[in-house]
PDB file of N, CA and C in Angstrom:
ATOM      1  N   MET A   1     -17.411  11.785   5.869  1.00  0.00           N
ATOM      2  CA  MET A   1     -18.436  10.730   5.546  1.00  0.00           C
ATOM      3  C   MET A   1     -17.506   9.233   5.718  1.00  0.00           C
ATOM      4  N   LEU A   2     -18.067   8.260   6.042  1.00  0.00           N
ATOM      5  CA  LEU A   2     -17.437   7.015   6.126  1.00  0.00           C
ATOM      6  C   LEU A   2     -17.552   6.185   4.739  1.00  0.00           C
ATOM      7  N   LEU A   3     -16.616   5.462   4.472  1.00  0.00           N
ATOM      8  CA  LEU A   3     -16.967   4.627   3.189  1.00  0.00           C
ATOM      9  C   LEU A   3     -18.291   3.825   3.150  1.00  0.00           C
ATOM     10  N   PRO A   4     -19.082   3.964   2.222  1.00  0.00           N
ATOM     11  CA  PRO A   4     -20.321   3.511   1.994  1.00  0.00           C
ATOM     12  C   PRO A   4     -20.189   1.840   2.134  1.00  0.00           C
ATOM     13  N   ASN A   5     -21.152   1.488   2.936  1.00  0.00           N
ATOM     14  CA  ASN A   5     -21.001  -0.166   3.143  1.00  0.00           C
ATOM     15  C   ASN A   5     -19.913  -0.647   3.867  1.00  0.00           C
ATOM     16  N   CYS A   6     -19.105   0.255   4.686  1.00  0.00           N
ATOM     17  CA  CYS A   6     -17.906  -0.132   5.161  1.00  0.00           C
ATOM     18  C   CYS A   6     -17.911  -1.396   5.966  1.00  0.00           C
ATOM     19  N   GLU A   7     -19.014  -1.828   6.526  1.00  0.00           N
ATOM     20  CA  GLU A   7     -19.126  -3.188   7.317  1.00  0.00           C
ATOM     21  C   GLU A   7     -18.993  -4.265   6.312  1.00  0.00           C
ATOM     22  N   GLN A   8     -19.069  -4.057   5.005  1.00  0.00           N
ATOM     23  CA  GLN A   8     -19.020  -5.372   4.093  1.00  0.00           C
ATOM     24  C   GLN A   8     -17.759  -5.195   3.359  1.00  0.00           C
ATOM     25  N   ALA A   9     -16.862  -4.188   3.545  1.00  0.00           N
ATOM     26  CA  ALA A   9     -15.585  -4.058   2.821  1.00  0.00           C
ATOM     27  C   ALA A   9     -14.645  -5.307   2.931  1.00  0.00           C
ATOM     28  N   PHE A  10     -13.879  -5.705   1.863  1.00  0.00           N
ATOM     29  CA  PHE A  10     -13.287  -6.906   1.884  1.00  0.00           C
ATOM     30  C   PHE A  10     -11.841  -6.775   1.134  1.00  0.00           C
ATOM     31  N   ILE A  11     -11.053  -7.668   1.497  1.00  0.00           N
ATOM     32  CA  ILE A  11      -9.735  -7.560   0.792  1.00  0.00           C
ATOM     33  C   ILE A  11      -9.405  -8.994   0.321  1.00  0.00           C
ATOM     34  N   GLN A  12      -9.001  -8.916  -0.874  1.00  0.00           N
ATOM     35  CA  GLN A  12      -8.682 -10.432  -1.767  1.00  0.00           C
ATOM     36  C   GLN A  12      -7.526 -10.814  -1.059  1.00  0.00           C
ATOM     37  N   ALA A  13      -7.639 -12.122  -0.845  1.00  0.00           N
ATOM     38  CA  ALA A  13      -5.971 -12.670  -0.198  1.00  0.00           C
ATOM     39  C   ALA A  13      -5.031 -12.458  -1.040  1.00  0.00           C
ATOM     40  N   ALA A  14      -5.366 -12.637  -2.326  1.00  0.00           N
ATOM     41  CA  ALA A  14      -4.177 -12.163  -3.176  1.00  0.00           C
ATOM     42  C   ALA A  14      -3.418 -10.951  -3.137  1.00  0.00           C
ATOM     43  N   LYS A  15      -4.186 -10.120  -2.536  1.00  0.00           N
ATOM     44  CA  LYS A  15      -3.767  -8.633  -2.788  1.00  0.00           C
ATOM     45  C   LYS A  15      -2.622  -8.526  -1.395  1.00  0.00           C
ATOM     46  N   LEU A  16      -3.108  -9.285  -0.391  1.00  0.00           N
ATOM     47  CA  LEU A  16      -2.108  -9.315   0.649  1.00  0.00           C
ATOM     48  C   LEU A  16      -0.774 -10.121   0.479  1.00  0.00           C
ATOM     49  N   THR A  17      -0.940 -11.290   0.179  1.00  0.00           N
ATOM     50  CA  THR A  17       0.309 -12.131  -0.003  1.00  0.00           C
ATOM     51  C   THR A  17       0.967 -12.044  -1.342  1.00  0.00           C
ATOM     52  N   GLY A  18       0.166 -11.776  -2.473  1.00  0.00           N
ATOM     53  CA  GLY A  18       0.735 -11.605  -3.547  1.00  0.00           C
ATOM     54  C   GLY A  18       1.043 -10.208  -4.144  1.00  0.00           C
ATOM     55  N   TYR A  19       0.861  -9.319  -3.457  1.00  0.00           N
ATOM     56  CA  TYR A  19       1.101  -7.891  -3.776  1.00  0.00           C
ATOM     57  C   TYR A  19       1.914  -7.084  -2.567  1.00  0.00           C
ATOM     58  N   LEU A  20       1.022  -6.933  -1.269  1.00  0.00           N
ATOM     59  CA  LEU A  20       1.454  -6.166  -0.443  1.00  0.00           C
ATOM     60  C   LEU A  20       2.611  -6.619   0.300  1.00  0.00           C
ATOM     61  N   LEU A  21       2.813  -7.972   0.364  1.00  0.00           N
ATOM     62  CA  LEU A  21       3.933  -8.844   1.091  1.00  0.00           C
ATOM     63  C   LEU A  21       4.874  -9.439   0.142  1.00  0.00           C
ATOM     64  N   SER A  22       4.445  -9.380  -1.321  1.00  0.00           N
ATOM     65  CA  SER A  22       5.447  -9.924  -2.083  1.00  0.00           C
ATOM     66  C   SER A  22       6.749  -9.191  -2.520  1.00  0.00           C
ATOM     67  N   GLU A  23       7.897  -9.781  -2.205  1.00  0.00           N
ATOM     68  CA  GLU A  23       8.967  -9.174  -2.261  1.00  0.00           C
ATOM     69  C   GLU A  23       9.742  -9.265  -3.689  1.00  0.00           C
ATOM     70  N   THR A  24       8.869  -9.981  -4.817  1.00  0.00           N
ATOM     71  CA  THR A  24       9.103 -10.038  -6.220  1.00  0.00           C
ATOM     72  C   THR A  24       8.041  -9.259  -7.058  1.00  0.00           C
ATOM     73  N   HIS A  25       6.982  -8.861  -6.529  1.00  0.00           N
ATOM     74  CA  HIS A  25       5.777  -8.103  -7.292  1.00  0.00           C
ATOM     75  C   HIS A  25       6.566  -6.816  -7.757  1.00  0.00           C
ATOM     76  N   SER A  26       6.398  -6.458  -9.100  1.00  0.00           N
ATOM     77  CA  SER A  26       6.901  -5.331  -9.716  1.00  0.00           C
ATOM     78  C   SER A  26       6.613  -4.096  -8.935  1.00  0.00           C
ATOM     79  N   VAL A  27       5.324  -3.980  -8.619  1.00  0.00           N
ATOM     80  CA  VAL A  27       4.901  -2.703  -7.869  1.00  0.00           C
ATOM     81  C   VAL A  27       4.921  -3.047  -6.195  1.00  0.00           C
ATOM     82  N   GLY A  28       4.364  -4.107  -5.975  1.00  0.00           N
ATOM     83  CA  GLY A  28       4.268  -4.470  -4.597  1.00  0.00           C
ATOM     84  C   GLY A  28       5.387  -4.706  -3.679  1.00  0.00           C
ATOM     85  N   LYS A  29       6.770  -5.006  -4.333  1.00  0.00           N
ATOM     86  CA  LYS A  29       8.010  -5.109  -3.576  1.00  0.00           C
ATOM     87  C   LYS A  29       8.404  -4.037  -2.650  1.00  0.00           C
ATOM     88  N   SER A  30       8.042  -2.776  -3.093  1.00  0.00           N
ATOM     89  CA  SER A  30       8.540  -1.629  -2.181  1.00  0.00           C
ATOM     90  C   SER A  30       7.548  -1.580  -1.048  1.00  0.00           C
ATOM     91  N   LYS A  31       6.221  -1.886  -1.257  1.00  0.00           N
ATOM     92  CA  LYS A  31       5.246  -2.059   0.048  1.00  0.00           C
ATOM     93  C   LYS A  31       5.698  -3.240   0.599  1.00  0.00           C
ATOM     94  N   ALA A  32       5.972  -4.301   0.292  1.00  0.00           N
ATOM     95  CA  ALA A  32       6.440  -5.394   1.021  1.00  0.00           C
ATOM     96  C   ALA A  32       7.474  -4.910   2.014  1.00  0.00           C
ATOM     97  N   LYS A  33       8.632  -4.372   1.413  1.00  0.00           N
ATOM     98  CA  LYS A  33       9.739  -3.895   2.426  1.00  0.00           C
ATOM     99  C   LYS A  33       9.223  -3.126   3.513  1.00  0.00           C
ATOM    100  N   PHE A  34       8.081  -2.291   3.244  1.00  0.00           N
ATOM    101  CA  PHE A  34       7.669  -1.296   4.290  1.00  0.00           C
ATOM    102  C   PHE A  34       6.980  -2.169   5.470  1.00  0.00           C
ATOM    103  N   PHE A  35       5.971  -3.136   4.858  1.00  0.00           N
ATOM    104  CA  PHE A  35       5.242  -3.702   5.764  1.00  0.00           C
ATOM    105  C   PHE A  35       5.770  -4.794   6.578  1.00  0.00           C
ATOM    106  N   ARG A  36       6.855  -5.446   6.009  1.00  0.00           N
ATOM    107  CA  ARG A  36       7.585  -6.391   6.495  1.00  0.00           C
ATOM    108  C   ARG A  36       8.666  -5.916   7.553  1.00  0.00           C
ATOM    109  N   GLU A  37       9.129  -4.593   7.424  1.00  0.00           N
ATOM    110  CA  GLU A  37       9.910  -3.818   8.489  1.00  0.00           C
ATOM    111  C   GLU A  37       8.818  -3.591   9.711  1.00  0.00           C
ATOM    112  N   LEU A  38       7.686  -3.459   9.630  1.00  0.00           N
ATOM    113  CA  LEU A  38       6.666  -3.167  10.722  1.00  0.00           C
ATOM    114  C   LEU A  38       6.367  -4.608  11.214  1.00  0.00           C
ATOM    115  N   GLY A  39       6.896  -5.737  10.928  1.00  0.00           N
ATOM    116  CA  GLY A  39       6.747  -6.905  11.100  1.00  0.00           C
ATOM    117  C   GLY A  39       5.516  -7.837  10.699  1.00  0.00           C
ATOM    118  N   PHE A  40       4.968  -7.189   9.548  1.00  0.00           N
ATOM    119  CA  PHE A  40       4.000  -8.143   9.081  1.00  0.00           C
ATOM    120  C   PHE A  40       4.483  -9.134   7.920  1.00  0.00           C
ATOM    121  N   SER A  41       3.947 -10.516   7.990  1.00  0.00           N
ATOM    122  CA  SER A  41       4.488 -11.386   7.113  1.00  0.00           C
ATOM    123  C   SER A  41       3.187 -12.369   6.628  1.00  0.00           C
ATOM    124  N   GLU A  42       3.654 -13.469   6.010  1.00  0.00           N
ATOM    125  CA  GLU A  42       2.506 -14.319   5.782  1.00  0.00           C
ATOM    126  C   GLU A  42       2.172 -15.024   6.804  1.00  0.00           C
ATOM    127  N   GLU A  43       2.861 -15.216   7.821  1.00  0.00           N
ATOM    128  CA  GLU A  43       2.481 -15.874   9.091  1.00  0.00           C
ATOM    129  C   GLU A  43       1.406 -15.231   9.949  1.00  0.00           C
ATOM    130  N   ASN A  44       1.516 -13.773   9.743  1.00  0.00           N
ATOM    131  CA  ASN A  44       0.299 -12.844  10.449  1.00  0.00           C
ATOM    132  C   ASN A  44      -0.336 -11.887   9.531  1.00  0.00           C
ATOM    133  N   VAL A  45      -0.463 -12.446   8.432  1.00  0.00           N
ATOM    134  CA  VAL A  45      -1.340 -11.747   7.372  1.00  0.00           C
ATOM    135  C   VAL A  45      -2.771 -11.227   7.880  1.00  0.00           C
ATOM    136  N   ALA A  46      -3.421 -12.199   8.723  1.00  0.00           N
ATOM    137  CA  ALA A  46      -4.764 -11.762   9.261  1.00  0.00           C
ATOM    138  C   ALA A  46      -4.506 -10.416   9.986  1.00  0.00           C
ATOM    139  N   ILE A  47      -3.465 -10.344  10.783  1.00  0.00           N
ATOM    140  CA  ILE A  47      -3.471  -9.042  11.554  1.00  0.00           C
ATOM    141  C   ILE A  47      -3.398  -7.856  10.543  1.00  0.00           C
ATOM    142  N   LEU A  48      -2.661  -7.866   9.450  1.00  0.00           N
ATOM    143  CA  LEU A  48      -2.680  -6.890   8.433  1.00  0.00           C
ATOM    144  C   LEU A  48      -4.050  -6.634   7.804  1.00  0.00           C
ATOM    145  N   GLU A  49      -4.707  -7.790   7.493  1.00  0.00           N
ATOM    146  CA  GLU A  49      -5.965  -7.553   6.881  1.00  0.00           C
ATOM    147  C   GLU A  49      -6.841  -6.846   7.976  1.00  0.00           C
ATOM    148  N   GLN A  50      -6.882  -7.369   9.141  1.00  0.00           N
ATOM    149  CA  GLN A  50      -7.807  -6.738  10.208  1.00  0.00           C
ATOM    150  C   GLN A  50      -7.560  -5.173  10.460  1.00  0.00           C
ATOM    151  N   GLU A  51      -6.051  -4.841  10.339  1.00  0.00           N
ATOM    152  CA  GLU A  51      -5.911  -3.396  10.569  1.00  0.00           C
ATOM    153  C   GLU A  51      -6.368  -2.591   9.289  1.00  0.00           C
ATOM    154  N   LEU A  52      -6.097  -3.000   8.008  1.00  0.00           N
ATOM    155  CA  LEU A  52      -6.763  -2.429   6.977  1.00  0.00           C
ATOM    156  C   LEU A  52      -8.077  -2.085   6.965  1.00  0.00           C
ATOM    157  N   LEU A  53      -8.903  -3.230   7.520  1.00  0.00           N
ATOM    158  CA  LEU A  53     -10.416  -3.133   7.493  1.00  0.00           C
ATOM    159  C   LEU A  53     -10.705  -2.263   8.635  1.00  0.00           C
ATOM    160  N   LYS A  54     -10.104  -2.324   9.640  1.00  0.00           N
ATOM    161  CA  LYS A  54     -10.518  -1.087  10.559  1.00  0.00           C
ATOM    162  C   LYS A  54     -10.142   0.371  10.240  1.00  0.00           C
ATOM    163  N   VAL A  55      -9.258   0.693   9.183  1.00  0.00           N
ATOM    164  CA  VAL A  55      -9.299   2.027   8.545  1.00  0.00           C
ATOM    165  C   VAL A  55     -10.395   2.106   7.944  1.00  0.00           C
ATOM    166  N   ALA A  56     -10.845   1.125   6.892  1.00  0.00           N
ATOM    167  CA  ALA A  56     -11.937   1.022   6.069  1.00  0.00           C
ATOM    168  C   ALA A  56     -13.403   1.430   6.746  1.00  0.00           C
ATOM    169  N   ARG A  57     -13.331   0.946   8.020  1.00  0.00           N
ATOM    170  CA  ARG A  57     -14.699   0.698   8.692  1.00  0.00           C
ATOM    171  C   ARG A  57     -14.751   1.893   9.558  1.00  0.00           C
ATOM    172  N   PHE A  58     -13.682   2.670  10.130  1.00  0.00           N
ATOM    173  CA  PHE A  58     -13.768   3.647  11.163  1.00  0.00           C
ATOM    174  C   PHE A  58     -13.231   5.217  10.731  1.00  0.00           C
ATOM    175  N   GLN A  59     -12.664   5.116   9.883  1.00  0.00           N
ATOM    176  CA  GLN A  59     -11.911   6.383   9.467  1.00  0.00           C
ATOM    177  C   GLN A  59     -12.808   7.102   8.472  1.00  0.00           C
ATOM    178  N   GLU A  60     -12.609   8.487   8.302  1.00  0.00           N
ATOM    179  CA  GLU A  60     -13.410   9.145   7.252  1.00  0.00           C
ATOM    180  C   GLU A  60     -12.855   9.283   5.806  1.00  0.00           C
ATOM    181  N   VAL A  61     -13.594   9.233   4.850  1.00  0.00           N
ATOM    182  CA  VAL A  61     -12.949   9.244   3.557  1.00  0.00           C
ATOM    183  C   VAL A  61     -12.452  10.671   3.433  1.00  0.00           C
ATOM    184  N   THR A  62     -11.270  10.615   2.832  1.00  0.00           N
ATOM    185  CA  THR A  62     -10.638  12.056   2.561  1.00  0.00           C
ATOM    186  C   THR A  62     -10.678  12.530   1.146  1.00  0.00           C
ATOM    187  N   GLU A  63     -10.935  11.478   0.284  1.00  0.00           N
ATOM    188  CA  GLU A  63     -10.996  11.898  -1.067  1.00  0.00           C
ATOM    189  C   GLU A  63     -12.063  10.887  -1.963  1.00  0.00           C
ATOM    190  N   THR A  64     -12.758  11.114  -2.952  1.00  0.00           N
ATOM    191  CA  THR A  64     -13.270  10.309  -3.763  1.00  0.00           C
ATOM    192  C   THR A  64     -12.987  10.631  -5.005  1.00  0.00           C
ATOM    193  N   ILE A  65     -12.656   9.709  -5.879  1.00  0.00           N
ATOM    194  CA  ILE A  65     -12.354   9.664  -7.368  1.00  0.00           C
ATOM    195  C   ILE A  65     -13.306   8.723  -8.162  1.00  0.00           C
ATOM    196  N   VAL A  66     -13.895   9.615  -9.182  1.00  0.00           N
ATOM    197  CA  VAL A  66     -14.964   8.648 -10.112  1.00  0.00           C
ATOM    198  C   VAL A  66     -14.056   8.203 -11.130  1.00  0.00           C
ATOM    199  N   THR A  67     -14.036   6.957 -11.614  1.00  0.00           N
ATOM    200  CA  THR A  67     -13.162   6.315 -12.539  1.00  0.00           C
ATOM    201  C   THR A  67     -14.186   5.463 -13.378  1.00  0.00           C
ATOM    202  N   VAL A  68     -13.914   5.133 -14.728  1.00  0.00           N
ATOM    203  CA  VAL A  68     -14.717   4.085 -15.468  1.00  0.00           C
ATOM    204  C   VAL A  68     -15.059   2.890 -14.926  1.00  0.00           C
ATOM    205  N   HIS A  69     -14.355   2.478 -13.568  1.00  0.00           N
ATOM    206  CA  HIS A  69     -14.511   1.183 -13.100  1.00  0.00           C
ATOM    207  C   HIS A  69     -15.382   1.457 -11.930  1.00  0.00           C
ATOM    208  N   GLY A  70     -15.483   2.697 -11.543  1.00  0.00           N
ATOM    209  CA  GLY A  70     -16.275   2.880 -10.162  1.00  0.00           C
ATOM    210  C   GLY A  70     -15.733   4.155  -9.365  1.00  0.00           C
ATOM    211  N   ILE A  71     -16.238   3.956  -8.188  1.00  0.00           N
ATOM    212  CA  ILE A  71     -15.874   5.179  -7.301  1.00  0.00           C
ATOM    213  C   ILE A  71     -14.747   4.774  -6.188  1.00  0.00           C
ATOM    214  N   LYS A  72     -13.368   5.341  -6.481  1.00  0.00           N
ATOM    215  CA  LYS A  72     -12.446   5.109  -5.481  1.00  0.00           C
ATOM    216  C   LYS A  72     -12.547   6.010  -4.249  1.00  0.00           C
ATOM    217  N   TYR A  73     -12.325   5.569  -3.186  1.00  0.00           N
ATOM    218  CA  TYR A  73     -12.336   6.100  -1.836  1.00  0.00           C
ATOM    219  C   TYR A  73     -10.954   6.052  -1.236  1.00  0.00           C
ATOM    220  N   VAL A  74     -10.447   7.234  -0.919  1.00  0.00           N
ATOM    221  CA  VAL A  74      -9.177   7.439  -0.331  1.00  0.00           C
ATOM    222  C   VAL A  74      -9.324   7.553   1.173  1.00  0.00           C
ATOM    223  N   ILE A  75      -8.445   6.905   2.195  1.00  0.00           N
ATOM    224  CA  ILE A  75      -8.869   6.912   3.512  1.00  0.00           C
ATOM    225  C   ILE A  75      -7.461   6.908   3.997  1.00  0.00           C
ATOM    226  N   VAL A  76      -7.313   7.855   4.962  1.00  0.00           N
ATOM    227  CA  VAL A  76      -5.816   7.823   5.733  1.00  0.00           C
ATOM    228  C   VAL A  76      -6.436   7.591   7.223  1.00  0.00           C
ATOM    229  N   GLY A  77      -5.414   6.672   7.770  1.00  0.00           N
ATOM    230  CA  GLY A  77      -5.590   6.118   9.128  1.00  0.00           C
ATOM    231  C   GLY A  77      -4.448   5.444   9.656  1.00  0.00           C
ATOM    232  N   THR A  78      -4.373   5.151  10.815  1.00  0.00           N
ATOM    233  CA  THR A  78      -3.289   4.541  11.401  1.00  0.00           C
ATOM    234  C   THR A  78      -3.611   2.988  11.714  1.00  0.00           C
ATOM    235  N   ILE A  79      -2.539   2.193  11.688  1.00  0.00           N
ATOM    236  CA  ILE A  79      -2.729   0.871  12.026  1.00  0.00           C
ATOM    237  C   ILE A  79      -1.603   0.444  12.954  1.00  0.00           C
ATOM    238  N   ASN A  80      -2.130  -0.489  13.911  1.00  0.00           N
ATOM    239  CA  ASN A  80      -1.216  -1.195  14.757  1.00  0.00           C
ATOM    240  C   ASN A  80      -0.080  -2.106  14.103  1.00  0.00           C
ATOM    241  N   CYS A  81       1.141  -2.175  14.533  1.00  0.00           N
ATOM    242  CA  CYS A  81       1.979  -3.008  13.855  1.00  0.00           C
ATOM    243  C   CYS A  81       2.621  -4.209  14.778  1.00  0.00           C
ATOM    244  N   PRO A  82       2.827  -5.450  14.360  1.00  0.00           N
ATOM    245  CA  PRO A  82       3.549  -6.371  15.203  1.00  0.00           C
ATOM    246  C   PRO A  82       4.782  -5.862  15.811  1.00  0.00           C
ATOM    247  N   VAL A  83       5.365  -4.965  15.307  1.00  0.00           N
ATOM    248  CA  VAL A  83       6.727  -4.424  15.969  1.00  0.00           C
ATOM    249  C   VAL A  83       6.468  -3.415  17.168  1.00  0.00           C
ATOM    250  N   ASP A  84       5.126  -3.439  17.667  1.00  0.00           N
ATOM    251  CA  ASP A  84       4.678  -2.327  18.665  1.00  0.00           C
ATOM    252  C   ASP A  84       4.821  -1.093  18.298  1.00  0.00           C
ATOM    253  N   ARG A  85       4.453  -0.736  17.276  1.00  0.00           N
ATOM    254  CA  ARG A  85       4.341   0.729  16.637  1.00  0.00           C
ATOM    255  C   ARG A  85       3.160   0.892  15.893  1.00  0.00           C
ATOM    256  N   THR A  86       2.962   2.277  15.856  1.00  0.00           N
ATOM    257  CA  THR A  86       1.566   2.487  14.663  1.00  0.00           C
ATOM    258  C   THR A  86       2.198   3.558  13.791  1.00  0.00           C
ATOM    259  N   VAL A  87       1.681   3.322  12.560  1.00  0.00           N
ATOM    260  CA  VAL A  87       2.045   4.355  11.507  1.00  0.00           C
ATOM    261  C   VAL A  87       0.717   4.539  10.729  1.00  0.00           C
ATOM    262  N   THR A  88       1.040   5.653   9.954  1.00  0.00           N
ATOM    263  CA  THR A  88      -0.157   6.396   9.433  1.00  0.00           C
ATOM    264  C   THR A  88      -0.132   5.871   7.901  1.00  0.00           C
ATOM    265  N   ILE A  89      -0.885   5.445   7.261  1.00  0.00           N
ATOM    266  CA  ILE A  89      -1.174   4.896   5.894  1.00  0.00           C
ATOM    267  C   ILE A  89      -2.443   5.418   5.005  1.00  0.00           C
ATOM    268  N   LEU A  90      -2.163   5.496   3.871  1.00  0.00           N
ATOM    269  CA  LEU A  90      -3.087   5.925   2.875  1.00  0.00           C
ATOM    270  C   LEU A  90      -3.756   4.715   2.253  1.00  0.00           C
ATOM    271  N   THR A  91      -5.062   4.531   2.415  1.00  0.00           N
ATOM    272  CA  THR A  91      -5.561   3.238   1.693  1.00  0.00           C
ATOM    273  C   THR A  91      -6.636   3.801   0.634  1.00  0.00           C
ATOM    274  N   VAL A  92      -6.594   2.865  -0.495  1.00  0.00           N
ATOM    275  CA  VAL A  92      -7.539   3.087  -1.329  1.00  0.00           C
ATOM    276  C   VAL A  92      -8.589   2.041  -1.626  1.00  0.00           C
ATOM    277  N   TRP A  93      -9.808   2.269  -1.573  1.00  0.00           N
ATOM    278  CA  TRP A  93     -10.872   1.268  -1.870  1.00  0.00           C
ATOM    279  C   TRP A  93     -11.744   1.698  -2.861  1.00  0.00           C
ATOM    280  N   ILE A  94     -12.385   0.712  -3.674  1.00  0.00           N
ATOM    281  CA  ILE A  94     -13.249   0.984  -4.850  1.00  0.00           C
ATOM    282  C   ILE A  94     -14.558   0.125  -4.584  1.00  0.00           C
ATOM    283  N   ILE A  95     -15.752   0.920  -5.177  1.00  0.00           N
ATOM    284  CA  ILE A  95     -16.958   0.271  -5.236  1.00  0.00           C
ATOM    285  C   ILE A  95     -17.185   0.288  -6.701  1.00  0.00           C
ATOM    286  N   ASP A  96     -17.087  -1.012  -7.318  1.00  0.00           N
ATOM    287  CA  ASP A  96     -17.106  -1.015  -8.781  1.00  0.00           C
ATOM    288  C   ASP A  96     -18.370  -0.721  -9.395  1.00  0.00           C
ATOM    289  N   THR A  97     -18.720  -0.111 -10.525  1.00  0.00           N
ATOM    290  CA  THR A  97     -19.895   0.159 -11.138  1.00  0.00           C
ATOM    291  C   THR A  97     -20.693  -0.835 -10.961  1.00  0.00           C
ATOM    292  N   GLY A  98     -21.947  -0.816 -10.569  1.00  0.00           N
ATOM    293  CA  GLY A  98     -23.009  -1.871 -10.516  1.00  0.00           C
ATOM    294  C   GLY A  98     -22.736  -2.791  -9.088  1.00  0.00           C
ATOM    295  N   GLN A  99     -21.782  -2.390  -8.408  1.00  0.00           N
ATOM    296  CA  GLN A  99     -21.766  -3.146  -7.176  1.00  0.00           C
ATOM    297  C   GLN A  99     -22.045  -2.325  -6.093  1.00  0.00           C
ATOM    298  N   GLU A 100     -22.127  -2.809  -4.730  1.00  0.00           N
ATOM    299  CA  GLU A 100     -22.201  -1.963  -3.466  1.00  0.00           C
ATOM    300  C   GLU A 100     -21.321  -2.256  -2.441  1.00  0.00           C
ATOM    301  N   VAL A 101     -20.437  -3.144  -2.637  1.00  0.00           N
ATOM    302  CA  VAL A 101     -19.609  -3.533  -1.698  1.00  0.00           C
ATOM    303  C   VAL A 101     -18.158  -3.185  -1.899  1.00  0.00           C
ATOM    304  N   PRO A 102     -17.437  -2.255  -0.904  1.00  0.00           N
ATOM    305  CA  PRO A 102     -16.140  -1.843  -1.381  1.00  0.00           C
ATOM    306  C   PRO A 102     -15.060  -2.834  -1.133  1.00  0.00           C
ATOM    307  N   ARG A 103     -14.062  -2.909  -2.170  1.00  0.00           N
ATOM    308  CA  ARG A 103     -12.824  -3.859  -2.080  1.00  0.00           C
ATOM    309  C   ARG A 103     -11.757  -3.002  -2.242  1.00  0.00           C
ATOM    310  N   PHE A 104     -10.877  -3.474  -1.383  1.00  0.00           N
ATOM    311  CA  PHE A 104      -9.451  -2.864  -1.221  1.00  0.00           C
ATOM    312  C   PHE A 104      -8.660  -2.797  -2.564  1.00  0.00           C
ATOM    313  N   VAL A 105      -8.187  -1.762  -2.877  1.00  0.00           N
ATOM    314  CA  VAL A 105      -7.078  -1.600  -3.974  1.00  0.00           C
ATOM    315  C   VAL A 105      -5.640  -1.652  -3.719  1.00  0.00           C
ATOM    316  N   THR A 106      -5.309  -0.832  -2.779  1.00  0.00           N
ATOM    317  CA  THR A 106      -3.926  -0.562  -2.518  1.00  0.00           C
ATOM    318  C   THR A 106      -3.774   0.292  -1.140  1.00  0.00           C
ATOM    319  N   THR A 107      -2.521   0.320  -0.776  1.00  0.00           N
ATOM    320  CA  THR A 107      -2.230   1.063   0.362  1.00  0.00           C
ATOM    321  C   THR A 107      -0.606   1.440   0.248  1.00  0.00           C
ATOM    322  N   ARG A 108      -0.348   2.579   0.907  1.00  0.00           N
ATOM    323  CA  ARG A 108       1.215   3.101   1.018  1.00  0.00           C
ATOM    324  C   ARG A 108       1.146   3.868   2.202  1.00  0.00           C
ATOM    325  N   PRO A 109       2.418   3.993   2.609  1.00  0.00           N
ATOM    326  CA  PRO A 109       2.688   4.903   3.765  1.00  0.00           C
ATOM    327  C   PRO A 109       2.243   6.365   3.372  1.00  0.00           C
ATOM    328  N   PHE A 110       1.584   6.994   4.382  1.00  0.00           N
ATOM    329  CA  PHE A 110       1.059   8.496   4.344  1.00  0.00           C
ATOM    330  C   PHE A 110       2.134   9.434   4.678  1.00  0.00           C
ATOM    331  N   PHE A 111       2.266  10.272   3.712  1.00  0.00           N
ATOM    332  CA  PHE A 111       3.303  11.367   3.911  1.00  0.00           C
ATOM    333  C   PHE A 111       2.658  12.664   3.792  1.00  0.00           C
ATOM    334  N   ARG A 112       2.532  13.552   4.947  1.00  0.00           N
ATOM    335  CA  ARG A 112       2.051  14.818   4.757  1.00  0.00           C
ATOM    336  C   ARG A 112       2.690  15.722   3.949  1.00  0.00           C
ATOM    337  N   LYS A 113       1.708  16.374   3.104  1.00  0.00           N
ATOM    338  CA  LYS A 113       2.180  17.244   1.945  1.00  0.00           C
ATOM    339  C   LYS A 113       3.093  18.613   2.717  1.00  0.00           C
TER     340      LYS A 113
END
């Protein structure tokens, strides 16, 4: 199944620059290292956003998790990177309780078990 209302999925700007690309965020700095090595930066953050949204809109949900805040959807997909490489990532999206639109929660490199 695809992410419900995937065409309306969105990513808050602060999640991109203040988390995924932040080299000082306590949790995000390891993700920033990963994404910066792939050529993503504040100068091309729109490309990162587009690639994450492509995963949300075109890849199948691999897992759903019911939480007190809503339903989380895990989606694994590949993104194209500025360094002319593709990588597989795991993304998490949530549709908050009482809402219908999915919003981005987090992402990380995908490692097969």
